[in-house]
Amino acid sequence: MLIYKLPLNEIVFDFYDKLKGCSKGYASCDWELDGYQKSKLVRMNILINHIAVDALSMLIHESKATKKGLSICSHLKDLIPRH
């Protein structure tokens, strides 16, 4: 049994998927809310043709915004054909 304090955003998006993936579905995750803390969050907008796309906007910690934005944009570059 492991006990950690993780941001809720990390549990929802990354941790649970990685846990199930590396354990081939056998591991489980039980969590409880420990409280609220202040954090430096920023709103990250992805612009396509100089227009912000609401579906790609997200709140993210400022230390991870650049890396996540570059990751999303590199995937979009491969998915969206050039016109």
PDB file of N, CA and C in Angstrom:
ATOM      1  N   MET A   1       0.855  -1.171   0.000  1.00  0.00           N
ATOM      2  CA  MET A   1       0.000   0.000   0.000  1.00  0.00           C
ATOM      3  C   MET A   1       0.898   1.230   0.000  1.00  0.00           C
ATOM      4  N   LEU A   2       0.596   2.151  -0.886  1.00  0.00           N
ATOM      5  CA  LEU A   2       1.316   3.416  -0.982  1.00  0.00           C
ATOM      6  C   LEU A   2       0.369   4.550  -0.652  1.00  0.00           C
ATOM      7  N   ILE A   3       0.856   5.532   0.090  1.00  0.00           N
ATOM      8  CA  ILE A   3       0.046   6.701   0.444  1.00  0.00           C
ATOM      9  C   ILE A   3       0.800   7.943  -0.020  1.00  0.00           C
ATOM     10  N   TYR A   4       0.141   8.737  -0.877  1.00  0.00           N
ATOM     11  CA  TYR A   4       0.729   9.955  -1.423  1.00  0.00           C
ATOM     12  C   TYR A   4      -0.270  11.091  -1.337  1.00  0.00           C
ATOM     13  N   LYS A   5       0.255  12.308  -1.374  1.00  0.00           N
ATOM     14  CA  LYS A   5      -0.573  13.495  -1.563  1.00  0.00           C
ATOM     15  C   LYS A   5      -0.280  14.013  -2.962  1.00  0.00           C
ATOM     16  N   LEU A   6      -1.291  13.944  -3.837  1.00  0.00           N
ATOM     17  CA  LEU A   6      -1.160  14.378  -5.221  1.00  0.00           C
ATOM     18  C   LEU A   6      -2.222  15.423  -5.535  1.00  0.00           C
ATOM     19  N   PRO A   7      -1.928  16.334  -6.456  1.00  0.00           N
ATOM     20  CA  PRO A   7      -2.980  17.253  -6.906  1.00  0.00           C
ATOM     21  C   PRO A   7      -4.103  16.464  -7.569  1.00  0.00           C
ATOM     22  N   LEU A   8      -5.336  16.894  -7.365  1.00  0.00           N
ATOM     23  CA  LEU A   8      -6.490  16.183  -7.914  1.00  0.00           C
ATOM     24  C   LEU A   8      -6.423  16.089  -9.428  1.00  0.00           C
ATOM     25  N   ASN A   9      -5.925  17.119 -10.067  1.00  0.00           N
ATOM     26  CA  ASN A   9      -5.787  17.107 -11.522  1.00  0.00           C
ATOM     27  C   ASN A   9      -4.873  15.969 -11.979  1.00  0.00           C
ATOM     28  N   GLU A  10      -3.805  15.712 -11.249  1.00  0.00           N
ATOM     29  CA  GLU A  10      -2.890  14.638 -11.611  1.00  0.00           C
ATOM     30  C   GLU A  10      -3.564  13.282 -11.490  1.00  0.00           C
ATOM     31  N   ILE A  11      -4.405  13.110 -10.496  1.00  0.00           N
ATOM     32  CA  ILE A  11      -5.093  11.836 -10.310  1.00  0.00           C
ATOM     33  C   ILE A  11      -6.082  11.604 -11.437  1.00  0.00           C
ATOM     34  N   VAL A  12      -6.838  12.618 -11.773  1.00  0.00           N
ATOM     35  CA  VAL A  12      -7.889  12.461 -12.772  1.00  0.00           C
ATOM     36  C   VAL A  12      -7.313  12.172 -14.149  1.00  0.00           C
ATOM     37  N   PHE A  13      -6.275  12.877 -14.574  1.00  0.00           N
ATOM     38  CA  PHE A  13      -5.807  12.766 -15.947  1.00  0.00           C
ATOM     39  C   PHE A  13      -4.665  11.774 -16.137  1.00  0.00           C
ATOM     40  N   ASP A  14      -3.694  11.763 -15.268  1.00  0.00           N
ATOM     41  CA  ASP A  14      -2.497  10.982 -15.548  1.00  0.00           C
ATOM     42  C   ASP A  14      -2.349   9.739 -14.682  1.00  0.00           C
ATOM     43  N   PHE A  15      -2.451   9.896 -13.401  1.00  0.00           N
ATOM     44  CA  PHE A  15      -2.087   8.827 -12.484  1.00  0.00           C
ATOM     45  C   PHE A  15      -2.933   7.576 -12.659  1.00  0.00           C
ATOM     46  N   TYR A  16      -4.230   7.737 -12.727  1.00  0.00           N
ATOM     47  CA  TYR A  16      -5.120   6.578 -12.799  1.00  0.00           C
ATOM     48  C   TYR A  16      -4.886   5.788 -14.090  1.00  0.00           C
ATOM     49  N   ASP A  17      -4.735   6.481 -15.212  1.00  0.00           N
ATOM     50  CA  ASP A  17      -4.479   5.795 -16.485  1.00  0.00           C
ATOM     51  C   ASP A  17      -3.143   5.065 -16.472  1.00  0.00           C
ATOM     52  N   LYS A  18      -2.115   5.708 -15.917  1.00  0.00           N
ATOM     53  CA  LYS A  18      -0.803   5.072 -15.854  1.00  0.00           C
ATOM     54  C   LYS A  18      -0.818   3.871 -14.904  1.00  0.00           C
ATOM     55  N   LEU A  19      -1.546   3.985 -13.805  1.00  0.00           N
ATOM     56  CA  LEU A  19      -1.648   2.882 -12.850  1.00  0.00           C
ATOM     57  C   LEU A  19      -2.300   1.666 -13.485  1.00  0.00           C
ATOM     58  N   LYS A  20      -3.400   1.878 -14.173  1.00  0.00           N
ATOM     59  CA  LYS A  20      -4.093   0.770 -14.832  1.00  0.00           C
ATOM     60  C   LYS A  20      -3.257   0.202 -15.973  1.00  0.00           C
ATOM     61  N   GLY A  21      -2.538   1.061 -16.684  1.00  0.00           N
ATOM     62  CA  GLY A  21      -1.732   0.597 -17.805  1.00  0.00           C
ATOM     63  C   GLY A  21      -0.551  -0.255 -17.374  1.00  0.00           C
ATOM     64  N   CYS A  22       0.168   0.186 -16.349  1.00  0.00           N
ATOM     65  CA  CYS A  22       1.365  -0.561 -15.952  1.00  0.00           C
ATOM     66  C   CYS A  22       1.021  -1.831 -15.174  1.00  0.00           C
ATOM     67  N   SER A  23      -0.173  -1.910 -14.590  1.00  0.00           N
ATOM     68  CA  SER A  23      -0.557  -3.106 -13.830  1.00  0.00           C
ATOM     69  C   SER A  23      -1.469  -4.031 -14.633  1.00  0.00           C
ATOM     70  N   LYS A  24      -1.711  -3.679 -15.895  1.00  0.00           N
ATOM     71  CA  LYS A  24      -2.606  -4.437 -16.777  1.00  0.00           C
ATOM     72  C   LYS A  24      -4.006  -4.562 -16.179  1.00  0.00           C
ATOM     73  N   GLY A  25      -4.422  -3.530 -15.441  1.00  0.00           N
ATOM     74  CA  GLY A  25      -5.781  -3.472 -14.905  1.00  0.00           C
ATOM     75  C   GLY A  25      -5.960  -4.074 -13.529  1.00  0.00           C
ATOM     76  N   TYR A  26      -4.898  -4.598 -12.915  1.00  0.00           N
ATOM     77  CA  TYR A  26      -5.042  -5.273 -11.623  1.00  0.00           C
ATOM     78  C   TYR A  26      -4.956  -4.328 -10.423  1.00  0.00           C
ATOM     79  N   ALA A  27      -4.291  -3.198 -10.562  1.00  0.00           N
ATOM     80  CA  ALA A  27      -4.140  -2.272  -9.441  1.00  0.00           C
ATOM     81  C   ALA A  27      -5.401  -1.434  -9.278  1.00  0.00           C
ATOM     82  N   SER A  28      -5.605  -0.943  -8.082  1.00  0.00           N
ATOM     83  CA  SER A  28      -6.754  -0.074  -7.830  1.00  0.00           C
ATOM     84  C   SER A  28      -6.275   1.194  -7.139  1.00  0.00           C
ATOM     85  N   CYS A  29      -7.120   2.190  -7.175  1.00  0.00           N
ATOM     86  CA  CYS A  29      -6.776   3.489  -6.606  1.00  0.00           C
ATOM     87  C   CYS A  29      -7.948   3.971  -5.762  1.00  0.00           C
ATOM     88  N   ASP A  30      -7.695   4.237  -4.520  1.00  0.00           N
ATOM     89  CA  ASP A  30      -8.698   4.790  -3.625  1.00  0.00           C
ATOM     90  C   ASP A  30      -8.165   6.132  -3.154  1.00  0.00           C
ATOM     91  N   TRP A  31      -8.954   7.177  -3.275  1.00  0.00           N
ATOM     92  CA  TRP A  31      -8.457   8.496  -2.906  1.00  0.00           C
ATOM     93  C   TRP A  31      -9.507   9.239  -2.107  1.00  0.00           C
ATOM     94  N   GLU A  32      -9.040  10.211  -1.347  1.00  0.00           N
ATOM     95  CA  GLU A  32      -9.930  11.099  -0.607  1.00  0.00           C
ATOM     96  C   GLU A  32      -9.359  12.508  -0.660  1.00  0.00           C
ATOM     97  N   LEU A  33     -10.234  13.481  -0.624  1.00  0.00           N
ATOM     98  CA  LEU A  33      -9.839  14.883  -0.708  1.00  0.00           C
ATOM     99  C   LEU A  33      -9.203  15.311   0.603  1.00  0.00           C
ATOM    100  N   ASP A  34      -8.008  15.869   0.522  1.00  0.00           N
ATOM    101  CA  ASP A  34      -7.262  16.288   1.710  1.00  0.00           C
ATOM    102  C   ASP A  34      -7.468  17.765   2.029  1.00  0.00           C
ATOM    103  N   GLY A  35      -8.053  18.502   1.123  1.00  0.00           N
ATOM    104  CA  GLY A  35      -8.273  19.924   1.342  1.00  0.00           C
ATOM    105  C   GLY A  35      -7.868  20.720   0.116  1.00  0.00           C
ATOM    106  N   TYR A  36      -7.977  22.011   0.235  1.00  0.00           N
ATOM    107  CA  TYR A  36      -7.651  22.908  -0.871  1.00  0.00           C
ATOM    108  C   TYR A  36      -6.401  23.699  -0.518  1.00  0.00           C
ATOM    109  N   GLN A  37      -5.559  23.934  -1.522  1.00  0.00           N
ATOM    110  CA  GLN A  37      -4.357  24.735  -1.347  1.00  0.00           C
ATOM    111  C   GLN A  37      -4.227  25.689  -2.524  1.00  0.00           C
ATOM    112  N   LYS A  38      -3.594  26.821  -2.285  1.00  0.00           N
ATOM    113  CA  LYS A  38      -3.349  27.771  -3.362  1.00  0.00           C
ATOM    114  C   LYS A  38      -2.276  27.225  -4.284  1.00  0.00           C
ATOM    115  N   SER A  39      -2.418  27.539  -5.551  1.00  0.00           N
ATOM    116  CA  SER A  39      -1.447  27.114  -6.536  1.00  0.00           C
ATOM    117  C   SER A  39      -1.393  28.147  -7.652  1.00  0.00           C
ATOM    118  N   LYS A  40      -0.291  28.171  -8.363  1.00  0.00           N
ATOM    119  CA  LYS A  40      -0.126  29.121  -9.462  1.00  0.00           C
ATOM    120  C   LYS A  40      -0.632  28.481 -10.745  1.00  0.00           C
ATOM    121  N   LEU A  41      -1.915  28.642 -11.003  1.00  0.00           N
ATOM    122  CA  LEU A  41      -2.539  28.093 -12.199  1.00  0.00           C
ATOM    123  C   LEU A  41      -2.651  29.163 -13.272  1.00  0.00           C
ATOM    124  N   VAL A  42      -2.553  28.732 -14.502  1.00  0.00           N
ATOM    125  CA  VAL A  42      -2.736  29.632 -15.634  1.00  0.00           C
ATOM    126  C   VAL A  42      -3.731  28.987 -16.597  1.00  0.00           C
ATOM    127  N   ARG A  43      -4.389  29.826 -17.362  1.00  0.00           N
ATOM    128  CA  ARG A  43      -5.272  29.305 -18.406  1.00  0.00           C
ATOM    129  C   ARG A  43      -4.461  29.216 -19.686  1.00  0.00           C
ATOM    130  N   MET A  44      -4.386  28.013 -20.227  1.00  0.00           N
ATOM    131  CA  MET A  44      -3.634  27.799 -21.456  1.00  0.00           C
ATOM    132  C   MET A  44      -4.616  27.670 -22.610  1.00  0.00           C
ATOM    133  N   ASN A  45      -4.479  28.549 -23.580  1.00  0.00           N
ATOM    134  CA  ASN A  45      -5.306  28.521 -24.779  1.00  0.00           C
ATOM    135  C   ASN A  45      -4.467  28.021 -25.943  1.00  0.00           C
ATOM    136  N   ILE A  46      -5.042  27.161 -26.746  1.00  0.00           N
ATOM    137  CA  ILE A  46      -4.405  26.713 -27.984  1.00  0.00           C
ATOM    138  C   ILE A  46      -5.070  27.490 -29.118  1.00  0.00           C
ATOM    139  N   LEU A  47      -4.263  28.178 -29.893  1.00  0.00           N
ATOM    140  CA  LEU A  47      -4.773  28.982 -31.005  1.00  0.00           C
ATOM    141  C   LEU A  47      -4.599  28.219 -32.306  1.00  0.00           C
ATOM    142  N   ILE A  48      -5.648  28.153 -33.070  1.00  0.00           N
ATOM    143  CA  ILE A  48      -5.580  27.587 -34.409  1.00  0.00           C
ATOM    144  C   ILE A  48      -5.981  28.688 -35.376  1.00  0.00           C
ATOM    145  N   ASN A  49      -5.050  29.057 -36.251  1.00  0.00           N
ATOM    146  CA  ASN A  49      -5.248  30.156 -37.191  1.00  0.00           C
ATOM    147  C   ASN A  49      -5.588  31.450 -36.441  1.00  0.00           C
ATOM    148  N   HIS A  50      -4.884  31.701 -35.345  1.00  0.00           N
ATOM    149  CA  HIS A  50      -5.011  32.889 -34.498  1.00  0.00           C
ATOM    150  C   HIS A  50      -6.366  32.991 -33.792  1.00  0.00           C
ATOM    151  N   ILE A  51      -7.077  31.882 -33.666  1.00  0.00           N
ATOM    152  CA  ILE A  51      -8.371  31.858 -32.966  1.00  0.00           C
ATOM    153  C   ILE A  51      -8.282  30.825 -31.849  1.00  0.00           C
ATOM    154  N   ALA A  52      -8.633  31.252 -30.617  1.00  0.00           N
ATOM    155  CA  ALA A  52      -8.597  30.346 -29.474  1.00  0.00           C
ATOM    156  C   ALA A  52      -9.709  29.307 -29.597  1.00  0.00           C
ATOM    157  N   VAL A  53      -9.359  28.044 -29.403  1.00  0.00           N
ATOM    158  CA  VAL A  53     -10.318  26.945 -29.467  1.00  0.00           C
ATOM    159  C   VAL A  53     -10.658  26.557 -28.032  1.00  0.00           C
ATOM    160  N   ASP A  54     -11.921  26.751 -27.643  1.00  0.00           N
ATOM    161  CA  ASP A  54     -12.322  26.510 -26.258  1.00  0.00           C
ATOM    162  C   ASP A  54     -12.130  25.061 -25.827  1.00  0.00           C
ATOM    163  N   ALA A  55     -12.315  24.123 -26.728  1.00  0.00           N
ATOM    164  CA  ALA A  55     -12.179  22.708 -26.377  1.00  0.00           C
ATOM    165  C   ALA A  55     -10.737  22.349 -26.014  1.00  0.00           C
ATOM    166  N   LEU A  56      -9.777  23.136 -26.474  1.00  0.00           N
ATOM    167  CA  LEU A  56      -8.373  22.862 -26.181  1.00  0.00           C
ATOM    168  C   LEU A  56      -7.822  23.722 -25.054  1.00  0.00           C
ATOM    169  N   SER A  57      -8.632  24.598 -24.478  1.00  0.00           N
ATOM    170  CA  SER A  57      -8.200  25.438 -23.369  1.00  0.00           C
ATOM    171  C   SER A  57      -8.261  24.642 -22.072  1.00  0.00           C
ATOM    172  N   MET A  58      -7.316  24.916 -21.182  1.00  0.00           N
ATOM    173  CA  MET A  58      -7.306  24.205 -19.903  1.00  0.00           C
ATOM    174  C   MET A  58      -6.610  25.027 -18.832  1.00  0.00           C
ATOM    175  N   LEU A  59      -6.947  24.732 -17.588  1.00  0.00           N
ATOM    176  CA  LEU A  59      -6.236  25.291 -16.452  1.00  0.00           C
ATOM    177  C   LEU A  59      -5.123  24.325 -16.101  1.00  0.00           C
ATOM    178  N   ILE A  60      -3.927  24.860 -15.951  1.00  0.00           N
ATOM    179  CA  ILE A  60      -2.764  24.003 -15.694  1.00  0.00           C
ATOM    180  C   ILE A  60      -1.767  24.781 -14.845  1.00  0.00           C
ATOM    181  N   HIS A  61      -0.959  24.077 -14.084  1.00  0.00           N
ATOM    182  CA  HIS A  61       0.064  24.737 -13.273  1.00  0.00           C
ATOM    183  C   HIS A  61       1.074  25.392 -14.210  1.00  0.00           C
ATOM    184  N   GLU A  62       1.518  26.575 -13.837  1.00  0.00           N
ATOM    185  CA  GLU A  62       2.370  27.344 -14.738  1.00  0.00           C
ATOM    186  C   GLU A  62       3.698  26.654 -15.048  1.00  0.00           C
ATOM    187  N   SER A  63       4.185  25.787 -14.182  1.00  0.00           N
ATOM    188  CA  SER A  63       5.446  25.098 -14.446  1.00  0.00           C
ATOM    189  C   SER A  63       5.301  24.015 -15.513  1.00  0.00           C
ATOM    190  N   LYS A  64       4.078  23.539 -15.758  1.00  0.00           N
ATOM    191  CA  LYS A  64       3.856  22.479 -16.743  1.00  0.00           C
ATOM    192  C   LYS A  64       3.206  22.989 -18.018  1.00  0.00           C
ATOM    193  N   ALA A  65       2.861  24.266 -18.084  1.00  0.00           N
ATOM    194  CA  ALA A  65       2.098  24.802 -19.217  1.00  0.00           C
ATOM    195  C   ALA A  65       2.874  24.725 -20.527  1.00  0.00           C
ATOM    196  N   THR A  66       4.137  25.093 -20.518  1.00  0.00           N
ATOM    197  CA  THR A  66       4.921  25.101 -21.755  1.00  0.00           C
ATOM    198  C   THR A  66       5.077  23.693 -22.310  1.00  0.00           C
ATOM    199  N   LYS A  67       5.440  22.753 -21.445  1.00  0.00           N
ATOM    200  CA  LYS A  67       5.647  21.375 -21.894  1.00  0.00           C
ATOM    201  C   LYS A  67       4.355  20.757 -22.418  1.00  0.00           C
ATOM    202  N   LYS A  68       3.252  20.969 -21.719  1.00  0.00           N
ATOM    203  CA  LYS A  68       1.971  20.416 -22.141  1.00  0.00           C
ATOM    204  C   LYS A  68       1.505  21.068 -23.443  1.00  0.00           C
ATOM    205  N   GLY A  69       1.677  22.381 -23.565  1.00  0.00           N
ATOM    206  CA  GLY A  69       1.289  23.090 -24.777  1.00  0.00           C
ATOM    207  C   GLY A  69       2.061  22.609 -25.994  1.00  0.00           C
ATOM    208  N   LEU A  70       3.371  22.410 -25.840  1.00  0.00           N
ATOM    209  CA  LEU A  70       4.185  21.903 -26.943  1.00  0.00           C
ATOM    210  C   LEU A  70       3.772  20.484 -27.327  1.00  0.00           C
ATOM    211  N   SER A  71       3.438  19.683 -26.337  1.00  0.00           N
ATOM    212  CA  SER A  71       3.002  18.312 -26.597  1.00  0.00           C
ATOM    213  C   SER A  71       1.696  18.290 -27.395  1.00  0.00           C
ATOM    214  N   ILE A  72       0.731  19.095 -26.978  1.00  0.00           N
ATOM    215  CA  ILE A  72      -0.555  19.155 -27.674  1.00  0.00           C
ATOM    216  C   ILE A  72      -0.378  19.678 -29.097  1.00  0.00           C
ATOM    217  N   CYS A  73       0.419  20.725 -29.247  1.00  0.00           N
ATOM    218  CA  CYS A  73       0.618  21.307 -30.577  1.00  0.00           C
ATOM    219  C   CYS A  73       1.333  20.342 -31.519  1.00  0.00           C
ATOM    220  N   SER A  74       2.270  19.553 -31.000  1.00  0.00           N
ATOM    221  CA  SER A  74       2.952  18.593 -31.876  1.00  0.00           C
ATOM    222  C   SER A  74       1.999  17.493 -32.329  1.00  0.00           C
ATOM    223  N   HIS A  75       1.075  17.081 -31.460  1.00  0.00           N
ATOM    224  CA  HIS A  75       0.068  16.092 -31.858  1.00  0.00           C
ATOM    225  C   HIS A  75      -0.910  16.690 -32.869  1.00  0.00           C
ATOM    226  N   LEU A  76      -1.313  17.930 -32.645  1.00  0.00           N
ATOM    227  CA  LEU A  76      -2.234  18.578 -33.585  1.00  0.00           C
ATOM    228  C   LEU A  76      -1.591  18.770 -34.948  1.00  0.00           C
ATOM    229  N   LYS A  77      -0.290  19.042 -34.963  1.00  0.00           N
ATOM    230  CA  LYS A  77       0.416  19.227 -36.231  1.00  0.00           C
ATOM    231  C   LYS A  77       0.330  17.962 -37.080  1.00  0.00           C
ATOM    232  N   ASP A  78       0.402  16.815 -36.427  1.00  0.00           N
ATOM    233  CA  ASP A  78       0.314  15.546 -37.162  1.00  0.00           C
ATOM    234  C   ASP A  78      -1.117  15.210 -37.572  1.00  0.00           C
ATOM    235  N   LEU A  79      -2.103  15.655 -36.790  1.00  0.00           N
ATOM    236  CA  LEU A  79      -3.494  15.289 -37.054  1.00  0.00           C
ATOM    237  C   LEU A  79      -4.193  16.194 -38.059  1.00  0.00           C
ATOM    238  N   ILE A  80      -3.867  17.483 -38.030  1.00  0.00           N
ATOM    239  CA  ILE A  80      -4.562  18.443 -38.896  1.00  0.00           C
ATOM    240  C   ILE A  80      -3.800  18.558 -40.214  1.00  0.00           C
ATOM    241  N   PRO A  81      -4.444  18.261 -41.325  1.00  0.00           N
ATOM    242  CA  PRO A  81      -3.753  18.369 -42.619  1.00  0.00           C
ATOM    243  C   PRO A  81      -3.530  19.831 -43.000  1.00  0.00           C
ATOM    244  N   ARG A  82      -2.444  20.099 -43.715  1.00  0.00           N
ATOM    245  CA  ARG A  82      -2.158  21.455 -44.185  1.00  0.00           C
ATOM    246  C   ARG A  82      -3.063  21.784 -45.361  1.00  0.00           C
ATOM    247  N   HIS A  83      -3.552  22.996 -45.368  1.00  0.00           N
ATOM    248  CA  HIS A  83      -4.407  23.452 -46.485  1.00  0.00           C
ATOM    249  C   HIS A  83      -3.752  24.606 -47.175  1.00  0.00           C
TER     250      HIS A  83
END
